[in-house]
C-alpha atoms as a PDB file:
ATOM      1  CA  MET A   1      29.938 125.768 109.227  1.00  0.00           C
ATOM      2  CA  TRP A   2      33.735 125.779 108.990  1.00  0.00           C
ATOM      3  CA  GLU A   3      34.099 122.022 108.368  1.00  0.00           C
ATOM      4  CA  ALA A   4      33.943 122.383 104.559  1.00  0.00           C
ATOM      5  CA  TYR A   5      36.619 125.110 104.644  1.00  0.00           C
ATOM      6  CA  LYS A   6      38.873 122.969 106.847  1.00  0.00           C
ATOM      7  CA  LYS A   7      38.423 119.978 104.538  1.00  0.00           C
ATOM      8  CA  GLY A   8      39.331 122.090 101.492  1.00  0.00           C
ATOM      9  CA  PHE A   9      42.314 123.636 103.297  1.00  0.00           C
ATOM     10  CA  LYS A  10      43.558 120.170 104.267  1.00  0.00           C
ATOM     11  CA  ALA A  11      43.402 118.991 100.639  1.00  0.00           C
ATOM     12  CA  TYR A  12      45.223 122.176  99.515  1.00  0.00           C
ATOM     13  CA  LEU A  13      48.040 121.632 102.064  1.00  0.00           C
ATOM     14  CA  GLN A  14      48.473 117.955 101.161  1.00  0.00           C
ATOM     15  CA  LEU A  15      48.051 118.092  97.390  1.00  0.00           C
ATOM     16  CA  GLU A  16      49.222 121.555  96.354  1.00  0.00           C
ATOM     17  CA  LYS A  17      51.767 122.343  99.073  1.00  0.00           C
ATOM     18  CA  SER A  18      52.890 118.675  99.490  1.00  0.00           C
ATOM     19  CA  LEU A  19      53.069 119.082 103.273  1.00  0.00           C
ATOM     20  CA  SER A  20      53.614 116.107 105.570  1.00  0.00           C
ATOM     21  CA  ASP A  21      50.768 114.805 107.747  1.00  0.00           C
ATOM     22  CA  ASN A  22      52.396 116.388 110.827  1.00  0.00           C
ATOM     23  CA  SER A  23      52.587 119.864 109.230  1.00  0.00           C
ATOM     24  CA  THR A  24      49.047 119.593 107.829  1.00  0.00           C
ATOM     25  CA  GLU A  25      47.666 118.652 111.258  1.00  0.00           C
ATOM     26  CA  ALA A  26      49.520 121.594 112.848  1.00  0.00           C
ATOM     27  CA  TYR A  27      47.933 124.048 110.364  1.00  0.00           C
ATOM     28  CA  LEU A  28      44.478 122.560 110.944  1.00  0.00           C
ATOM     29  CA  ARG A  29      44.933 122.925 114.716  1.00  0.00           C
ATOM     30  CA  ASP A  30      45.606 126.649 114.158  1.00  0.00           C
ATOM     31  CA  ILE A  31      42.281 127.026 112.317  1.00  0.00           C
ATOM     32  CA  GLU A  32      40.590 124.937 115.020  1.00  0.00           C
ATOM     33  CA  LYS A  33      41.823 127.491 117.592  1.00  0.00           C
ATOM     34  CA  LEU A  34      40.257 130.309 115.556  1.00  0.00           C
ATOM     35  CA  THR A  35      36.874 128.530 115.292  1.00  0.00           C
ATOM     36  CA  GLN A  36      37.028 127.797 119.038  1.00  0.00           C
ATOM     37  CA  PHE A  37      37.505 131.544 119.659  1.00  0.00           C
ATOM     38  CA  LEU A  38      34.628 132.470 117.299  1.00  0.00           C
ATOM     39  CA  GLN A  39      32.276 130.056 119.090  1.00  0.00           C
ATOM     40  CA  GLU A  40      33.300 131.302 122.518  1.00  0.00           C
ATOM     41  CA  LYS A  41      32.755 134.946 121.502  1.00  0.00           C
ATOM     42  CA  ARG A  42      29.548 134.054 119.606  1.00  0.00           C
ATOM     43  CA  LEU A  43      30.999 135.507 116.403  1.00  0.00           C
ATOM     44  CA  LEU A  44      29.235 133.303 113.869  1.00  0.00           C
ATOM     45  CA  LYS A  45      31.261 134.473 110.898  1.00  0.00           C
ATOM     46  CA  LYS A  46      32.473 132.820 107.707  1.00  0.00           C
ATOM     47  CA  PRO A  47      36.121 133.293 106.627  1.00  0.00           C
ATOM     48  CA  ALA A  48      35.047 136.063 104.196  1.00  0.00           C
ATOM     49  CA  ASP A  49      33.349 138.046 107.011  1.00  0.00           C
ATOM     50  CA  ILE A  50      36.344 138.111 109.339  1.00  0.00           C
ATOM     51  CA  VAL A  51      38.166 141.435 109.591  1.00  0.00           C
ATOM     52  CA  LEU A  52      41.508 142.502 111.075  1.00  0.00           C
ATOM     53  CA  LYS A  53      39.847 143.606 114.346  1.00  0.00           C
ATOM     54  CA  ASP A  54      38.476 140.053 114.883  1.00  0.00           C
ATOM     55  CA  LEU A  55      41.948 138.572 114.402  1.00  0.00           C
ATOM     56  CA  GLN A  56      43.498 141.127 116.758  1.00  0.00           C
ATOM     57  CA  GLN A  57      40.973 140.045 119.411  1.00  0.00           C
ATOM     58  CA  PHE A  58      41.852 136.427 118.611  1.00  0.00           C
ATOM     59  CA  THR A  59      45.615 137.032 119.126  1.00  0.00           C
ATOM     60  CA  LYS A  60      44.835 138.745 122.435  1.00  0.00           C
ATOM     61  CA  TRP A  61      42.710 135.694 123.383  1.00  0.00           C
ATOM     62  CA  ILE A  62      45.464 133.148 122.593  1.00  0.00           C
ATOM     63  CA  ALA A  63      47.982 135.286 124.518  1.00  0.00           C
ATOM     64  CA  GLU A  64      45.647 135.233 127.541  1.00  0.00           C
ATOM     65  CA  LEU A  65      45.491 131.428 127.273  1.00  0.00           C
ATOM     66  CA  GLY A  66      49.164 131.570 128.262  1.00  0.00           C
ATOM     67  CA  MET A  67      50.644 130.663 124.880  1.00  0.00           C
ATOM     68  CA  THR A  68      54.291 131.537 124.308  1.00  0.00           C
ATOM     69  CA  ALA A  69      55.268 134.162 121.722  1.00  0.00           C
ATOM     70  CA  SER A  70      56.575 131.435 119.402  1.00  0.00           C
ATOM     71  CA  SER A  71      53.280 129.469 119.650  1.00  0.00           C
ATOM     72  CA  GLN A  72      51.319 132.659 118.913  1.00  0.00           C
ATOM     73  CA  ALA A  73      53.556 133.403 115.903  1.00  0.00           C
ATOM     74  CA  ARG A  74      53.049 129.833 114.658  1.00  0.00           C
ATOM     75  CA  ILE A  75      49.243 130.154 114.847  1.00  0.00           C
ATOM     76  CA  ILE A  76      49.348 133.486 112.987  1.00  0.00           C
ATOM     77  CA  SER A  77      51.491 131.842 110.314  1.00  0.00           C
ATOM     78  CA  GLY A  78      48.783 129.132 110.048  1.00  0.00           C
ATOM     79  CA  LEU A  79      46.095 131.811 109.599  1.00  0.00           C
ATOM     80  CA  ARG A  80      48.133 133.469 106.833  1.00  0.00           C
ATOM     81  CA  ALA A  81      48.385 130.129 104.992  1.00  0.00           C
ATOM     82  CA  PHE A  82      44.621 129.618 105.418  1.00  0.00           C
ATOM     83  CA  TYR A  83      43.791 133.011 103.932  1.00  0.00           C
ATOM     84  CA  LYS A  84      46.183 132.416 101.047  1.00  0.00           C
ATOM     85  CA  TYR A  85      44.057 129.339 100.323  1.00  0.00           C
ATOM     86  CA  CYS A  86      40.792 131.348 100.747  1.00  0.00           C
ATOM     87  CA  LEU A  87      41.957 133.931  98.179  1.00  0.00           C
ATOM     88  CA  LEU A  88      42.973 131.207  95.711  1.00  0.00           C
ATOM     89  CA  GLU A  89      39.573 129.511  96.012  1.00  0.00           C
ATOM     90  CA  ASN A  90      37.597 132.804  95.979  1.00  0.00           C
ATOM     91  CA  ILE A  91      36.229 131.986  99.452  1.00  0.00           C
ATOM     92  CA  SER A  92      37.332 135.436 100.544  1.00  0.00           C
ATOM     93  CA  LYS A  93      38.005 138.594  98.507  1.00  0.00           C
ATOM     94  CA  THR A  94      40.376 140.108 101.079  1.00  0.00           C
ATOM     95  CA  ASP A  95      43.105 138.846 103.407  1.00  0.00           C
ATOM     96  CA  PRO A  96      42.553 140.145 106.975  1.00  0.00           C
ATOM     97  CA  THR A  97      45.950 138.736 108.072  1.00  0.00           C
ATOM     98  CA  THR A  98      47.915 141.264 105.929  1.00  0.00           C
ATOM     99  CA  LEU A  99      48.254 143.852 108.713  1.00  0.00           C
ATOM    100  CA  LEU A 100      48.121 141.351 111.577  1.00  0.00           C
ATOM    101  CA  GLU A 101      51.239 141.654 113.713  1.00  0.00           C
ATOM    102  CA  ALA A 102      52.881 138.590 115.191  1.00  0.00           C
ATOM    103  CA  PRO A 103      54.607 138.947 118.586  1.00  0.00           C
ATOM    104  CA  LYS A 104      58.287 139.843 118.357  1.00  0.00           C
ATOM    105  CA  LEU A 105      60.361 136.736 118.847  1.00  0.00           C
ATOM    106  CA  LYS A 106      63.607 136.705 120.749  1.00  0.00           C
ATOM    107  CA  ARG A 107      65.597 134.235 118.712  1.00  0.00           C
ATOM    108  CA  SER A 108      67.275 132.037 121.259  1.00  0.00           C
ATOM    109  CA  LEU A 109      69.887 129.793 119.762  1.00  0.00           C
ATOM    110  CA  PRO A 110      69.805 126.139 120.773  1.00  0.00           C
ATOM    111  CA  ASP A 111      72.740 124.595 122.596  1.00  0.00           C
ATOM    112  CA  VAL A 112      75.576 123.396 120.390  1.00  0.00           C
ATOM    113  CA  LEU A 113      77.599 120.318 121.254  1.00  0.00           C
ATOM    114  CA  SER A 114      81.342 120.274 120.713  1.00  0.00           C
ATOM    115  CA  PHE A 115      82.797 117.411 118.676  1.00  0.00           C
ATOM    116  CA  ASP A 116      84.148 115.900 121.924  1.00  0.00           C
ATOM    117  CA  GLU A 117      80.693 116.040 123.554  1.00  0.00           C
ATOM    118  CA  ILE A 118      79.126 114.301 120.547  1.00  0.00           C
ATOM    119  CA  GLU A 119      81.822 111.615 120.728  1.00  0.00           C
ATOM    120  CA  ALA A 120      81.163 111.234 124.481  1.00  0.00           C
ATOM    121  CA  ILE A 121      77.398 110.761 123.895  1.00  0.00           C
ATOM    122  CA  ILE A 122      77.945 108.218 121.103  1.00  0.00           C
ATOM    123  CA  ALA A 123      80.524 106.379 123.242  1.00  0.00           C
ATOM    124  CA  GLU A 124      77.782 105.662 125.815  1.00  0.00           C
ATOM    125  CA  THR A 125      75.951 103.298 123.423  1.00  0.00           C
ATOM    126  CA  ASP A 126      76.145  99.744 124.748  1.00  0.00           C
ATOM    127  CA  LEU A 127      77.518  97.742 121.808  1.00  0.00           C
ATOM    128  CA  SER A 128      76.976  94.443 123.658  1.00  0.00           C
ATOM    129  CA  LYS A 129      73.228  94.873 122.958  1.00  0.00           C
ATOM    130  CA  PRO A 130      71.628  94.858 119.489  1.00  0.00           C
ATOM    131  CA  GLU A 131      69.863  98.178 120.110  1.00  0.00           C
ATOM    132  CA  GLY A 132      73.236  99.675 121.130  1.00  0.00           C
ATOM    133  CA  GLY A 133      74.711  98.886 117.721  1.00  0.00           C
ATOM    134  CA  ARG A 134      71.617 100.327 116.044  1.00  0.00           C
ATOM    135  CA  ASN A 135      71.708 103.483 118.211  1.00  0.00           C
ATOM    136  CA  LYS A 136      75.378 104.057 117.430  1.00  0.00           C
ATOM    137  CA  ALA A 137      74.606 103.823 113.691  1.00  0.00           C
ATOM    138  CA  ILE A 138      71.656 106.249 114.134  1.00  0.00           C
ATOM    139  CA  LEU A 139      73.671 108.898 116.011  1.00  0.00           C
ATOM    140  CA  GLU A 140      76.686 108.626 113.700  1.00  0.00           C
ATOM    141  CA  THR A 141      74.320 109.133 110.736  1.00  0.00           C
ATOM    142  CA  MET A 142      72.485 112.069 112.345  1.00  0.00           C
ATOM    143  CA  TYR A 143      75.683 113.937 113.116  1.00  0.00           C
ATOM    144  CA  SER A 144      77.477 112.969 109.902  1.00  0.00           C
ATOM    145  CA  CYS A 145      74.583 114.100 107.648  1.00  0.00           C
ATOM    146  CA  GLY A 146      72.781 116.735 109.742  1.00  0.00           C
ATOM    147  CA  LEU A 147      69.457 114.905 109.458  1.00  0.00           C
ATOM    148  CA  ARG A 148      66.126 115.929 110.930  1.00  0.00           C
ATOM    149  CA  VAL A 149      64.672 113.317 113.313  1.00  0.00           C
ATOM    150  CA  SER A 150      61.853 112.600 110.815  1.00  0.00           C
ATOM    151  CA  GLU A 151      64.467 111.999 108.088  1.00  0.00           C
ATOM    152  CA  VAL A 152      66.500 109.495 110.087  1.00  0.00           C
ATOM    153  CA  VAL A 153      63.475 107.380 111.107  1.00  0.00           C
ATOM    154  CA  SER A 154      62.239 107.340 107.475  1.00  0.00           C
ATOM    155  CA  LEU A 155      65.643 106.523 105.939  1.00  0.00           C
ATOM    156  CA  ARG A 156      65.411 103.573 103.532  1.00  0.00           C
ATOM    157  CA  ILE A 157      67.982 100.946 102.589  1.00  0.00           C
ATOM    158  CA  SER A 158      67.310 101.780  98.929  1.00  0.00           C
ATOM    159  CA  GLN A 159      68.449 105.369  99.658  1.00  0.00           C
ATOM    160  CA  LEU A 160      71.932 104.296 100.754  1.00  0.00           C
ATOM    161  CA  TYR A 161      74.844 104.575  98.324  1.00  0.00           C
ATOM    162  CA  LEU A 162      77.495 103.553 100.817  1.00  0.00           C
ATOM    163  CA  ASP A 163      80.065 102.564  98.189  1.00  0.00           C
ATOM    164  CA  THR A 164      80.131 106.209  97.034  1.00  0.00           C
ATOM    165  CA  ASP A 165      79.620 107.702 100.557  1.00  0.00           C
ATOM    166  CA  PHE A 166      76.236 109.320  99.800  1.00  0.00           C
ATOM    167  CA  ILE A 167      72.660 108.901 101.021  1.00  0.00           C
ATOM    168  CA  ARG A 168      69.422 110.147  99.451  1.00  0.00           C
ATOM    169  CA  VAL A 169      67.280 111.911 102.036  1.00  0.00           C
ATOM    170  CA  THR A 170      63.545 112.645 101.812  1.00  0.00           C
ATOM    171  CA  GLY A 171      63.032 115.961 103.588  1.00  0.00           C
ATOM    172  CA  LYS A 172      60.140 118.374 104.164  1.00  0.00           C
ATOM    173  CA  GLY A 173      57.479 118.385 101.464  1.00  0.00           C
ATOM    174  CA  ASP A 174      58.902 115.063 100.156  1.00  0.00           C
ATOM    175  CA  LYS A 175      61.828 116.945  98.606  1.00  0.00           C
ATOM    176  CA  GLU A 176      64.849 114.711  98.047  1.00  0.00           C
ATOM    177  CA  ARG A 177      68.497 115.670  98.399  1.00  0.00           C
ATOM    178  CA  LEU A 178      71.804 113.837  98.167  1.00  0.00           C
ATOM    179  CA  VAL A 179      73.958 114.176 101.272  1.00  0.00           C
ATOM    180  CA  PRO A 180      77.552 112.975 101.755  1.00  0.00           C
ATOM    181  CA  ILE A 181      77.958 110.514 104.632  1.00  0.00           C
ATOM    182  CA  GLY A 182      81.099 110.134 106.746  1.00  0.00           C
ATOM    183  CA  ARG A 183      83.226 106.985 106.964  1.00  0.00           C
ATOM    184  CA  SER A 184      82.360 106.312 110.609  1.00  0.00           C
ATOM    185  CA  ALA A 185      78.602 106.415 109.888  1.00  0.00           C
ATOM    186  CA  VAL A 186      79.067 104.132 106.849  1.00  0.00           C
ATOM    187  CA  LYS A 187      81.044 101.672 108.999  1.00  0.00           C
ATOM    188  CA  TYR A 188      78.368 101.435 111.722  1.00  0.00           C
ATOM    189  CA  ILE A 189      75.460 101.240 109.257  1.00  0.00           C
ATOM    190  CA  LYS A 190      77.209  98.291 107.571  1.00  0.00           C
ATOM    191  CA  ILE A 191      77.779  96.582 110.950  1.00  0.00           C
ATOM    192  CA  TYR A 192      74.119  97.165 111.858  1.00  0.00           C
ATOM    193  CA  LEU A 193      72.862  95.774 108.528  1.00  0.00           C
ATOM    194  CA  LYS A 194      75.160  92.747 108.578  1.00  0.00           C
ATOM    195  CA  ASN A 195      75.036  91.744 112.263  1.00  0.00           C
ATOM    196  CA  ILE A 196      71.861  93.172 113.812  1.00  0.00           C
ATOM    197  CA  ARG A 197      69.095  93.959 111.336  1.00  0.00           C
ATOM    198  CA  VAL A 198      69.335  90.521 109.663  1.00  0.00           C
ATOM    199  CA  HIS A 199      68.143  88.893 112.912  1.00  0.00           C
ATOM    200  CA  ILE A 200      64.982  91.036 113.184  1.00  0.00           C
ATOM    201  CA  GLN A 201      61.675  89.691 111.945  1.00  0.00           C
ATOM    202  CA  VAL A 202      60.549  92.609 109.768  1.00  0.00           C
ATOM    203  CA  LYS A 203      56.885  93.600 109.824  1.00  0.00           C
ATOM    204  CA  PRO A 204      55.235  93.840 106.370  1.00  0.00           C
ATOM    205  CA  GLY A 205      55.650  97.314 104.892  1.00  0.00           C
ATOM    206  CA  ASN A 206      58.924  97.961 106.771  1.00  0.00           C
ATOM    207  CA  GLU A 207      61.215  95.855 104.566  1.00  0.00           C
ATOM    208  CA  ASP A 208      63.039  98.894 103.147  1.00  0.00           C
ATOM    209  CA  ILE A 209      63.170 100.948 106.380  1.00  0.00           C
ATOM    210  CA  LEU A 210      66.774 101.075 107.616  1.00  0.00           C
ATOM    211  CA  PHE A 211      66.411 101.502 111.389  1.00  0.00           C
ATOM    212  CA  LEU A 212      63.883  99.181 113.054  1.00  0.00           C
ATOM    213  CA  ASN A 213      62.694  98.560 116.591  1.00  0.00           C
ATOM    214  CA  SER A 214      62.887  95.074 118.134  1.00  0.00           C
ATOM    215  CA  ARG A 215      59.388  94.294 116.789  1.00  0.00           C
ATOM    216  CA  GLY A 216      60.508  94.907 113.194  1.00  0.00           C
ATOM    217  CA  SER A 217      58.736  98.262 112.755  1.00  0.00           C
ATOM    218  CA  LYS A 218      59.924 101.767 111.926  1.00  0.00           C
ATOM    219  CA  LEU A 219      61.158 103.707 114.968  1.00  0.00           C
ATOM    220  CA  SER A 220      59.042 106.596 116.237  1.00  0.00           C
ATOM    221  CA  ARG A 221      60.461 110.121 116.477  1.00  0.00           C
ATOM    222  CA  VAL A 222      59.785 110.012 120.243  1.00  0.00           C
ATOM    223  CA  MET A 223      61.989 106.915 120.550  1.00  0.00           C
ATOM    224  CA  ILE A 224      64.967 108.876 119.153  1.00  0.00           C
ATOM    225  CA  PHE A 225      64.362 111.570 121.804  1.00  0.00           C
ATOM    226  CA  TYR A 226      64.425 108.911 124.544  1.00  0.00           C
ATOM    227  CA  ILE A 227      67.594 107.268 123.185  1.00  0.00           C
ATOM    228  CA  ILE A 228      69.434 110.611 123.106  1.00  0.00           C
ATOM    229  CA  LYS A 229      68.134 111.750 126.521  1.00  0.00           C
ATOM    230  CA  ASP A 230      69.386 108.534 128.116  1.00  0.00           C
ATOM    231  CA  LEU A 231      72.867 108.725 126.509  1.00  0.00           C
ATOM    232  CA  VAL A 232      73.279 112.432 127.347  1.00  0.00           C
ATOM    233  CA  LYS A 233      72.519 111.655 131.009  1.00  0.00           C
ATOM    234  CA  LYS A 234      75.033 108.782 131.004  1.00  0.00           C
ATOM    235  CA  ALA A 235      77.684 111.022 129.413  1.00  0.00           C
ATOM    236  CA  GLY A 236      77.119 113.590 132.192  1.00  0.00           C
ATOM    237  CA  ILE A 237      76.407 116.445 129.769  1.00  0.00           C
ATOM    238  CA  LYS A 238      74.318 119.219 131.318  1.00  0.00           C
ATOM    239  CA  LYS A 239      73.234 120.962 128.092  1.00  0.00           C
ATOM    240  CA  THR A 240      69.698 120.716 126.704  1.00  0.00           C
ATOM    241  CA  VAL A 241      70.121 118.091 123.994  1.00  0.00           C
ATOM    242  CA  SER A 242      67.494 116.856 121.531  1.00  0.00           C
ATOM    243  CA  PRO A 243      67.806 115.114 118.129  1.00  0.00           C
ATOM    244  CA  HIS A 244      67.824 118.605 116.566  1.00  0.00           C
ATOM    245  CA  THR A 245      70.955 119.462 118.585  1.00  0.00           C
ATOM    246  CA  PHE A 246      72.896 116.955 116.455  1.00  0.00           C
ATOM    247  CA  ARG A 247      71.693 118.657 113.244  1.00  0.00           C
ATOM    248  CA  HIS A 248      72.397 122.079 114.739  1.00  0.00           C
ATOM    249  CA  SER A 249      75.898 121.029 115.816  1.00  0.00           C
ATOM    250  CA  PHE A 250      76.620 119.495 112.378  1.00  0.00           C
ATOM    251  CA  ALA A 251      75.817 122.829 110.683  1.00  0.00           C
ATOM    252  CA  THR A 252      77.645 124.938 113.274  1.00  0.00           C
ATOM    253  CA  HIS A 253      80.819 122.850 112.988  1.00  0.00           C
ATOM    254  CA  LEU A 254      80.710 123.171 109.188  1.00  0.00           C
ATOM    255  CA  VAL A 255      80.330 126.960 109.268  1.00  0.00           C
ATOM    256  CA  GLU A 256      82.998 127.317 111.970  1.00  0.00           C
ATOM    257  CA  GLY A 257      85.284 125.281 109.733  1.00  0.00           C
ATOM    258  CA  GLY A 258      84.729 127.755 106.874  1.00  0.00           C
ATOM    259  CA  ALA A 259      82.172 125.828 104.784  1.00  0.00           C
ATOM    260  CA  ASP A 260      80.262 127.694 102.074  1.00  0.00           C
ATOM    261  CA  LEU A 261      76.783 128.679 103.307  1.00  0.00           C
ATOM    262  CA  ARG A 262      75.101 127.530 100.066  1.00  0.00           C
ATOM    263  CA  ALA A 263      76.661 124.076 100.493  1.00  0.00           C
ATOM    264  CA  VAL A 264      75.410 123.927 104.096  1.00  0.00           C
ATOM    265  CA  GLN A 265      71.926 125.010 102.908  1.00  0.00           C
ATOM    266  CA  GLU A 266      71.961 122.210 100.327  1.00  0.00           C
ATOM    267  CA  MET A 267      73.011 119.578 102.868  1.00  0.00           C
ATOM    268  CA  LEU A 268      70.445 120.662 105.472  1.00  0.00           C
ATOM    269  CA  GLY A 269      67.681 120.847 102.872  1.00  0.00           C
ATOM    270  CA  HIS A 270      66.725 124.419 103.827  1.00  0.00           C
ATOM    271  CA  GLU A 271      64.372 125.961 101.284  1.00  0.00           C
ATOM    272  CA  SER A 272      65.664 129.452 102.043  1.00  0.00           C
ATOM    273  CA  ILE A 273      69.231 130.613 102.666  1.00  0.00           C
ATOM    274  CA  THR A 274      67.894 132.887 105.434  1.00  0.00           C
ATOM    275  CA  THR A 275      67.202 129.796 107.578  1.00  0.00           C
ATOM    276  CA  THR A 276      70.825 128.719 107.115  1.00  0.00           C
ATOM    277  CA  GLU A 277      72.094 132.228 107.925  1.00  0.00           C
ATOM    278  CA  ILE A 278      71.398 131.611 111.622  1.00  0.00           C
ATOM    279  CA  TYR A 279      74.729 129.744 111.572  1.00  0.00           C
ATOM    280  CA  THR A 280      76.648 132.854 110.471  1.00  0.00           C
ATOM    281  CA  HIS A 281      75.417 134.556 113.674  1.00  0.00           C
ATOM    282  CA  LEU A 282      76.596 131.554 115.638  1.00  0.00           C
ATOM    283  CA  ASP A 283      79.877 131.740 113.819  1.00  0.00           C
ATOM    284  CA  ARG A 284      80.355 135.396 114.838  1.00  0.00           C
ATOM    285  CA  GLU A 285      79.727 134.409 118.442  1.00  0.00           C
ATOM    286  CA  PHE A 286      82.328 131.638 118.046  1.00  0.00           C
ATOM    287  CA  LEU A 287      84.840 134.162 116.611  1.00  0.00           C
ATOM    288  CA  ARG A 288      84.230 136.578 119.496  1.00  0.00           C
ATOM    289  CA  LYS A 289      84.764 133.809 122.061  1.00  0.00           C
ATOM    290  CA  THR A 290      87.929 132.715 120.250  1.00  0.00           C
ATOM    291  CA  LEU A 291      89.259 136.278 120.447  1.00  0.00           C
ATOM    292  CA  GLU A 292      88.392 136.541 124.136  1.00  0.00           C
ATOM    293  CA  ASN A 293      90.161 133.259 124.863  1.00  0.00           C
ATOM    294  CA  TYR A 294      93.276 133.719 122.741  1.00  0.00           C
ATOM    295  CA  HIS A 295      93.843 137.393 121.946  1.00  0.00           C
ATOM    296  CA  PRO A 296      95.930 139.283 124.553  1.00  0.00           C
ATOM    297  CA  ALA A 297      93.935 142.519 124.050  1.00  0.00           C
ATOM    298  CA  PHE A 298      90.697 140.730 125.024  1.00  0.00           C
ATOM    299  CA  LYS A 299      92.044 139.129 128.189  1.00  0.00           C
END
């Protein structure tokens, strides 16, 4: 019964909202959870028949499945998007998600690496191996430009303007932005292009992809996680580090250095300044720690 609604919602997310395949699939999984609940509770209802009480029972059900508060909040966000679509298409006359409360989230800030720690991780790349030279170029680029993992694996040679120290990045929703790139990253990309990538037999369709695996294909996001995990272990760093930590550290270091928040928002490709504002909270924490370390009244 719900298949037609899911199909329509998928088309809406892809065509009207320009969401990536990953984001679209995540939203569809949220709706799948709801239909699973309806089947289990024998509530054979269409989207238009669902009321707030049903959704409150649903949130209780997903909580009992052992889902974290953030996963529950994500699913509720998916339901809100679905009902926005239902209203637009006149599938439903009302939105039962309006008064639906998401669990309160404790916003835990991810670990931030110091500049020295980032240098230590990058220094662990083995430049005697081709993949070492590629990995060094990847990490230098991620930290220099604050890229998402999906952005670095999709980076194209045609998006590099290395003579002017800029790259064109395709972010969420296929939105493009120009980001300055540091000298060190430019240097290692050039070395990779000139000495390593030229020796790889490129698979058709990957000719313009910058970073390739040994089989000549685009790297997977998971591969970047593995590369970083391995280097972090070798560098002896005990923090929880993921590809996002590099982006997070890039932004934190900029704000700590006094960068304008709008400029940071532009470089990160955040749609809303409120997402970027997390770094002002980090900055206050940094200021407090600085006072504690250096101000005699705090010692």
